[in-house]
Amino acid sequence: MFGFTEEQFADFAVTFGVGGFILYMLFIIWNLARESKAGRLGTFILFFVLSFGMIGFIAKSIIQKILGL
């Protein structure tokens, strides 16, 4: 498709698809903090705790690039 192999297209789609989903989840966390009137500390805790899965995905991608997997 468009001169790309299936592997290249899948890698691109997963990276940007999950990246877009991560941005959407950050919006949801921000909206949750705003609606619950969590304050600065509460908002920080919400972002810190609920973002661990996203940090894991980003770390996995960086480790794969470094190790060349």
PDB file of N, CA and C in Angstrom:
ATOM      1  N   MET A   1       0.846  -1.163   0.000  1.00  0.00           N
ATOM      2  CA  MET A   1       0.000   0.000   0.000  1.00  0.00           C
ATOM      3  C   MET A   1       0.899   1.237   0.000  1.00  0.00           C
ATOM      4  N   PHE A   2       0.767   2.070  -0.990  1.00  0.00           N
ATOM      5  CA  PHE A   2       1.515   3.318  -1.133  1.00  0.00           C
ATOM      6  C   PHE A   2       3.021   3.105  -1.084  1.00  0.00           C
ATOM      7  N   GLY A   3       3.498   1.946  -1.536  1.00  0.00           N
ATOM      8  CA  GLY A   3       4.931   1.669  -1.581  1.00  0.00           C
ATOM      9  C   GLY A   3       5.516   1.185  -0.273  1.00  0.00           C
ATOM     10  N   PHE A   4       4.689   0.871   0.707  1.00  0.00           N
ATOM     11  CA  PHE A   4       5.172   0.370   1.985  1.00  0.00           C
ATOM     12  C   PHE A   4       4.862  -1.114   2.101  1.00  0.00           C
ATOM     13  N   THR A   5       5.699  -1.826   2.845  1.00  0.00           N
ATOM     14  CA  THR A   5       5.391  -3.220   3.133  1.00  0.00           C
ATOM     15  C   THR A   5       4.334  -3.258   4.229  1.00  0.00           C
ATOM     16  N   GLU A   6       3.756  -4.422   4.414  1.00  0.00           N
ATOM     17  CA  GLU A   6       2.731  -4.571   5.448  1.00  0.00           C
ATOM     18  C   GLU A   6       3.318  -4.302   6.838  1.00  0.00           C
ATOM     19  N   GLU A   7       4.544  -4.738   7.062  1.00  0.00           N
ATOM     20  CA  GLU A   7       5.189  -4.521   8.362  1.00  0.00           C
ATOM     21  C   GLU A   7       5.411  -3.035   8.636  1.00  0.00           C
ATOM     22  N   GLN A   8       5.868  -2.292   7.629  1.00  0.00           N
ATOM     23  CA  GLN A   8       6.098  -0.861   7.801  1.00  0.00           C
ATOM     24  C   GLN A   8       4.779  -0.127   8.064  1.00  0.00           C
ATOM     25  N   PHE A   9       3.740  -0.486   7.329  1.00  0.00           N
ATOM     26  CA  PHE A   9       2.441   0.142   7.508  1.00  0.00           C
ATOM     27  C   PHE A   9       1.866  -0.159   8.889  1.00  0.00           C
ATOM     28  N   ALA A  10       1.988  -1.420   9.327  1.00  0.00           N
ATOM     29  CA  ALA A  10       1.473  -1.812  10.640  1.00  0.00           C
ATOM     30  C   ALA A  10       2.225  -1.078  11.750  1.00  0.00           C
ATOM     31  N   ASP A  11       3.540  -0.964  11.624  1.00  0.00           N
ATOM     32  CA  ASP A  11       4.337  -0.258  12.625  1.00  0.00           C
ATOM     33  C   ASP A  11       3.919   1.213  12.703  1.00  0.00           C
ATOM     34  N   PHE A  12       3.758   1.835  11.546  1.00  0.00           N
ATOM     35  CA  PHE A  12       3.318   3.231  11.484  1.00  0.00           C
ATOM     36  C   PHE A  12       1.928   3.392  12.093  1.00  0.00           C
ATOM     37  N   ALA A  13       1.001   2.513  11.719  1.00  0.00           N
ATOM     38  CA  ALA A  13      -0.379   2.622  12.195  1.00  0.00           C
ATOM     39  C   ALA A  13      -0.466   2.410  13.698  1.00  0.00           C
ATOM     40  N   VAL A  14       0.272   1.440  14.224  1.00  0.00           N
ATOM     41  CA  VAL A  14       0.235   1.183  15.665  1.00  0.00           C
ATOM     42  C   VAL A  14       0.841   2.354  16.419  1.00  0.00           C
ATOM     43  N   THR A  15       1.971   2.852  15.948  1.00  0.00           N
ATOM     44  CA  THR A  15       2.639   3.956  16.644  1.00  0.00           C
ATOM     45  C   THR A  15       1.750   5.187  16.698  1.00  0.00           C
ATOM     46  N   PHE A  16       1.217   5.611  15.574  1.00  0.00           N
ATOM     47  CA  PHE A  16       0.407   6.827  15.556  1.00  0.00           C
ATOM     48  C   PHE A  16      -1.012   6.593  16.057  1.00  0.00           C
ATOM     49  N   GLY A  17      -1.544   5.393  15.876  1.00  0.00           N
ATOM     50  CA  GLY A  17      -2.871   5.081  16.412  1.00  0.00           C
ATOM     51  C   GLY A  17      -2.874   5.073  17.927  1.00  0.00           C
ATOM     52  N   VAL A  18      -1.902   4.396  18.503  1.00  0.00           N
ATOM     53  CA  VAL A  18      -1.816   4.357  19.965  1.00  0.00           C
ATOM     54  C   VAL A  18      -1.401   5.728  20.498  1.00  0.00           C
ATOM     55  N   GLY A  19      -0.564   6.458  19.749  1.00  0.00           N
ATOM     56  CA  GLY A  19      -0.202   7.820  20.156  1.00  0.00           C
ATOM     57  C   GLY A  19      -1.421   8.722  20.235  1.00  0.00           C
ATOM     58  N   GLY A  20      -2.296   8.618  19.254  1.00  0.00           N
ATOM     59  CA  GLY A  20      -3.539   9.389  19.284  1.00  0.00           C
ATOM     60  C   GLY A  20      -4.439   8.972  20.434  1.00  0.00           C
ATOM     61  N   PHE A  21      -4.473   7.680  20.703  1.00  0.00           N
ATOM     62  CA  PHE A  21      -5.269   7.175  21.821  1.00  0.00           C
ATOM     63  C   PHE A  21      -4.705   7.676  23.147  1.00  0.00           C
ATOM     64  N   ILE A  22      -3.390   7.761  23.269  1.00  0.00           N
ATOM     65  CA  ILE A  22      -2.756   8.280  24.476  1.00  0.00           C
ATOM     66  C   ILE A  22      -3.141   9.744  24.677  1.00  0.00           C
ATOM     67  N   LEU A  23      -3.119  10.530  23.609  1.00  0.00           N
ATOM     68  CA  LEU A  23      -3.531  11.936  23.719  1.00  0.00           C
ATOM     69  C   LEU A  23      -4.988  12.049  24.166  1.00  0.00           C
ATOM     70  N   TYR A  24      -5.830  11.176  23.650  1.00  0.00           N
ATOM     71  CA  TYR A  24      -7.236  11.181  24.043  1.00  0.00           C
ATOM     72  C   TYR A  24      -7.386  10.817  25.519  1.00  0.00           C
ATOM     73  N   MET A  25      -6.612   9.830  25.992  1.00  0.00           N
ATOM     74  CA  MET A  25      -6.671   9.457  27.401  1.00  0.00           C
ATOM     75  C   MET A  25      -6.180  10.591  28.301  1.00  0.00           C
ATOM     76  N   LEU A  26      -5.164  11.340  27.853  1.00  0.00           N
ATOM     77  CA  LEU A  26      -4.707  12.488  28.632  1.00  0.00           C
ATOM     78  C   LEU A  26      -5.809  13.539  28.730  1.00  0.00           C
ATOM     79  N   PHE A  27      -6.552  13.735  27.642  1.00  0.00           N
ATOM     80  CA  PHE A  27      -7.693  14.655  27.675  1.00  0.00           C
ATOM     81  C   PHE A  27      -8.744  14.174  28.666  1.00  0.00           C
ATOM     82  N   ILE A  28      -9.005  12.874  28.695  1.00  0.00           N
ATOM     83  CA  ILE A  28      -9.994  12.325  29.625  1.00  0.00           C
ATOM     84  C   ILE A  28      -9.551  12.546  31.068  1.00  0.00           C
ATOM     85  N   ILE A  29      -8.262  12.319  31.357  1.00  0.00           N
ATOM     86  CA  ILE A  29      -7.747  12.535  32.711  1.00  0.00           C
ATOM     87  C   ILE A  29      -7.876  14.010  33.093  1.00  0.00           C
ATOM     88  N   TRP A  30      -7.523  14.894  32.177  1.00  0.00           N
ATOM     89  CA  TRP A  30      -7.635  16.337  32.453  1.00  0.00           C
ATOM     90  C   TRP A  30      -9.087  16.718  32.719  1.00  0.00           C
ATOM     91  N   ASN A  31      -9.998  16.194  31.915  1.00  0.00           N
ATOM     92  CA  ASN A  31     -11.424  16.493  32.089  1.00  0.00           C
ATOM     93  C   ASN A  31     -11.931  15.949  33.421  1.00  0.00           C
ATOM     94  N   LEU A  32     -11.487  14.766  33.804  1.00  0.00           N
ATOM     95  CA  LEU A  32     -11.870  14.186  35.083  1.00  0.00           C
ATOM     96  C   LEU A  32     -11.381  15.051  36.237  1.00  0.00           C
ATOM     97  N   ALA A  33     -10.143  15.530  36.161  1.00  0.00           N
ATOM     98  CA  ALA A  33      -9.597  16.390  37.216  1.00  0.00           C
ATOM     99  C   ALA A  33     -10.358  17.708  37.288  1.00  0.00           C
ATOM    100  N   ARG A  34     -10.714  18.256  36.141  1.00  0.00           N
ATOM    101  CA  ARG A  34     -11.425  19.536  36.104  1.00  0.00           C
ATOM    102  C   ARG A  34     -12.834  19.403  36.669  1.00  0.00           C
ATOM    103  N   GLU A  35     -13.543  18.348  36.276  1.00  0.00           N
ATOM    104  CA  GLU A  35     -14.922  18.171  36.734  1.00  0.00           C
ATOM    105  C   GLU A  35     -14.999  17.816  38.215  1.00  0.00           C
ATOM    106  N   SER A  36     -13.989  17.130  38.731  1.00  0.00           N
ATOM    107  CA  SER A  36     -14.005  16.751  40.141  1.00  0.00           C
ATOM    108  C   SER A  36     -13.406  17.826  41.029  1.00  0.00           C
ATOM    109  N   LYS A  37     -12.924  18.922  40.414  1.00  0.00           N
ATOM    110  CA  LYS A  37     -12.298  20.021  41.152  1.00  0.00           C
ATOM    111  C   LYS A  37     -11.189  19.497  42.061  1.00  0.00           C
ATOM    112  N   ALA A  38     -10.275  18.748  41.451  1.00  0.00           N
ATOM    113  CA  ALA A  38      -9.238  18.038  42.204  1.00  0.00           C
ATOM    114  C   ALA A  38      -8.156  18.960  42.744  1.00  0.00           C
ATOM    115  N   GLY A  39      -7.983  20.133  42.199  1.00  0.00           N
ATOM    116  CA  GLY A  39      -6.915  21.012  42.641  1.00  0.00           C
ATOM    117  C   GLY A  39      -5.585  20.608  42.011  1.00  0.00           C
ATOM    118  N   ARG A  40      -4.529  21.330  42.355  1.00  0.00           N
ATOM    119  CA  ARG A  40      -3.227  21.044  41.729  1.00  0.00           C
ATOM    120  C   ARG A  40      -2.673  19.700  42.132  1.00  0.00           C
ATOM    121  N   LEU A  41      -2.675  19.395  43.421  1.00  0.00           N
ATOM    122  CA  LEU A  41      -2.118  18.129  43.889  1.00  0.00           C
ATOM    123  C   LEU A  41      -2.938  16.959  43.371  1.00  0.00           C
ATOM    124  N   GLY A  42      -4.248  17.069  43.438  1.00  0.00           N
ATOM    125  CA  GLY A  42      -5.108  15.994  42.939  1.00  0.00           C
ATOM    126  C   GLY A  42      -4.934  15.764  41.452  1.00  0.00           C
ATOM    127  N   THR A  43      -4.800  16.843  40.699  1.00  0.00           N
ATOM    128  CA  THR A  43      -4.587  16.718  39.255  1.00  0.00           C
ATOM    129  C   THR A  43      -3.248  16.047  38.972  1.00  0.00           C
ATOM    130  N   PHE A  44      -2.211  16.452  39.715  1.00  0.00           N
ATOM    131  CA  PHE A  44      -0.902  15.827  39.549  1.00  0.00           C
ATOM    132  C   PHE A  44      -0.970  14.336  39.848  1.00  0.00           C
ATOM    133  N   ILE A  45      -1.643  13.970  40.936  1.00  0.00           N
ATOM    134  CA  ILE A  45      -1.754  12.558  41.305  1.00  0.00           C
ATOM    135  C   ILE A  45      -2.525  11.787  40.247  1.00  0.00           C
ATOM    136  N   LEU A  46      -3.608  12.358  39.734  1.00  0.00           N
ATOM    137  CA  LEU A  46      -4.369  11.687  38.676  1.00  0.00           C
ATOM    138  C   LEU A  46      -3.497  11.435  37.447  1.00  0.00           C
ATOM    139  N   PHE A  47      -2.785  12.461  36.997  1.00  0.00           N
ATOM    140  CA  PHE A  47      -1.930  12.292  35.829  1.00  0.00           C
ATOM    141  C   PHE A  47      -0.805  11.307  36.106  1.00  0.00           C
ATOM    142  N   PHE A  48      -0.203  11.383  37.288  1.00  0.00           N
ATOM    143  CA  PHE A  48       0.921  10.513  37.624  1.00  0.00           C
ATOM    144  C   PHE A  48       0.498   9.051  37.662  1.00  0.00           C
ATOM    145  N   VAL A  49      -0.578   8.752  38.364  1.00  0.00           N
ATOM    146  CA  VAL A  49      -1.005   7.368  38.547  1.00  0.00           C
ATOM    147  C   VAL A  49      -1.628   6.792  37.277  1.00  0.00           C
ATOM    148  N   LEU A  50      -2.504   7.553  36.632  1.00  0.00           N
ATOM    149  CA  LEU A  50      -3.219   7.022  35.476  1.00  0.00           C
ATOM    150  C   LEU A  50      -2.368   7.001  34.207  1.00  0.00           C
ATOM    151  N   SER A  51      -1.192   7.598  34.242  1.00  0.00           N
ATOM    152  CA  SER A  51      -0.340   7.631  33.054  1.00  0.00           C
ATOM    153  C   SER A  51       0.737   6.545  33.039  1.00  0.00           C
ATOM    154  N   PHE A  52       0.776   5.668  34.043  1.00  0.00           N
ATOM    155  CA  PHE A  52       1.803   4.638  34.079  1.00  0.00           C
ATOM    156  C   PHE A  52       1.752   3.712  32.865  1.00  0.00           C
ATOM    157  N   GLY A  53       0.570   3.334  32.423  1.00  0.00           N
ATOM    158  CA  GLY A  53       0.454   2.468  31.248  1.00  0.00           C
ATOM    159  C   GLY A  53       0.983   3.138  29.996  1.00  0.00           C
ATOM    160  N   MET A  54       0.714   4.417  29.861  1.00  0.00           N
ATOM    161  CA  MET A  54       1.206   5.162  28.699  1.00  0.00           C
ATOM    162  C   MET A  54       2.723   5.275  28.739  1.00  0.00           C
ATOM    163  N   ILE A  55       3.269   5.499  29.922  1.00  0.00           N
ATOM    164  CA  ILE A  55       4.722   5.587  30.069  1.00  0.00           C
ATOM    165  C   ILE A  55       5.361   4.248  29.703  1.00  0.00           C
ATOM    166  N   GLY A  56       4.725   3.153  30.084  1.00  0.00           N
ATOM    167  CA  GLY A  56       5.228   1.824  29.733  1.00  0.00           C
ATOM    168  C   GLY A  56       5.263   1.604  28.227  1.00  0.00           C
ATOM    169  N   PHE A  57       4.217   2.040  27.530  1.00  0.00           N
ATOM    170  CA  PHE A  57       4.187   1.881  26.073  1.00  0.00           C
ATOM    171  C   PHE A  57       5.283   2.710  25.412  1.00  0.00           C
ATOM    172  N   ILE A  58       5.465   3.935  25.875  1.00  0.00           N
ATOM    173  CA  ILE A  58       6.495   4.804  25.310  1.00  0.00           C
ATOM    174  C   ILE A  58       7.879   4.243  25.604  1.00  0.00           C
ATOM    175  N   ALA A  59       8.086   3.751  26.837  1.00  0.00           N
ATOM    176  CA  ALA A  59       9.380   3.171  27.199  1.00  0.00           C
ATOM    177  C   ALA A  59       9.674   1.936  26.353  1.00  0.00           C
ATOM    178  N   LYS A  60       8.653   1.123  26.096  1.00  0.00           N
ATOM    179  CA  LYS A  60       8.835  -0.070  25.274  1.00  0.00           C
ATOM    180  C   LYS A  60       9.281   0.309  23.867  1.00  0.00           C
ATOM    181  N   SER A  61       8.685   1.333  23.320  1.00  0.00           N
ATOM    182  CA  SER A  61       9.053   1.784  21.971  1.00  0.00           C
ATOM    183  C   SER A  61      10.486   2.300  21.943  1.00  0.00           C
ATOM    184  N   ILE A  62      10.874   3.055  22.958  1.00  0.00           N
ATOM    185  CA  ILE A  62      12.243   3.595  23.009  1.00  0.00           C
ATOM    186  C   ILE A  62      13.254   2.471  23.173  1.00  0.00           C
ATOM    187  N   ILE A  63      12.963   1.512  24.034  1.00  0.00           N
ATOM    188  CA  ILE A  63      13.876   0.381  24.249  1.00  0.00           C
ATOM    189  C   ILE A  63      14.023  -0.436  22.979  1.00  0.00           C
ATOM    190  N   GLN A  64      12.923  -0.641  22.247  1.00  0.00           N
ATOM    191  CA  GLN A  64      13.007  -1.376  20.988  1.00  0.00           C
ATOM    192  C   GLN A  64      13.876  -0.652  19.974  1.00  0.00           C
ATOM    193  N   LYS A  65      13.762   0.675  19.907  1.00  0.00           N
ATOM    194  CA  LYS A  65      14.599   1.449  18.970  1.00  0.00           C
ATOM    195  C   LYS A  65      16.069   1.377  19.358  1.00  0.00           C
ATOM    196  N   ILE A  66      16.364   1.467  20.659  1.00  0.00           N
ATOM    197  CA  ILE A  66      17.742   1.423  21.122  1.00  0.00           C
ATOM    198  C   ILE A  66      18.379   0.067  20.851  1.00  0.00           C
ATOM    199  N   LEU A  67      17.648  -1.000  21.154  1.00  0.00           N
ATOM    200  CA  LEU A  67      18.186  -2.346  20.974  1.00  0.00           C
ATOM    201  C   LEU A  67      18.069  -2.836  19.540  1.00  0.00           C
ATOM    202  N   GLY A  68      17.343  -2.127  18.719  1.00  0.00           N
ATOM    203  CA  GLY A  68      17.199  -2.510  17.321  1.00  0.00           C
ATOM    204  C   GLY A  68      16.317  -3.725  17.108  1.00  0.00           C
ATOM    205  N   LEU A  69      15.330  -3.915  17.953  1.00  0.00           N
ATOM    206  CA  LEU A  69      14.428  -5.071  17.822  1.00  0.00           C
ATOM    207  C   LEU A  69      13.267  -4.768  16.914  1.00  0.00           C
TER     208      LEU A  69
END
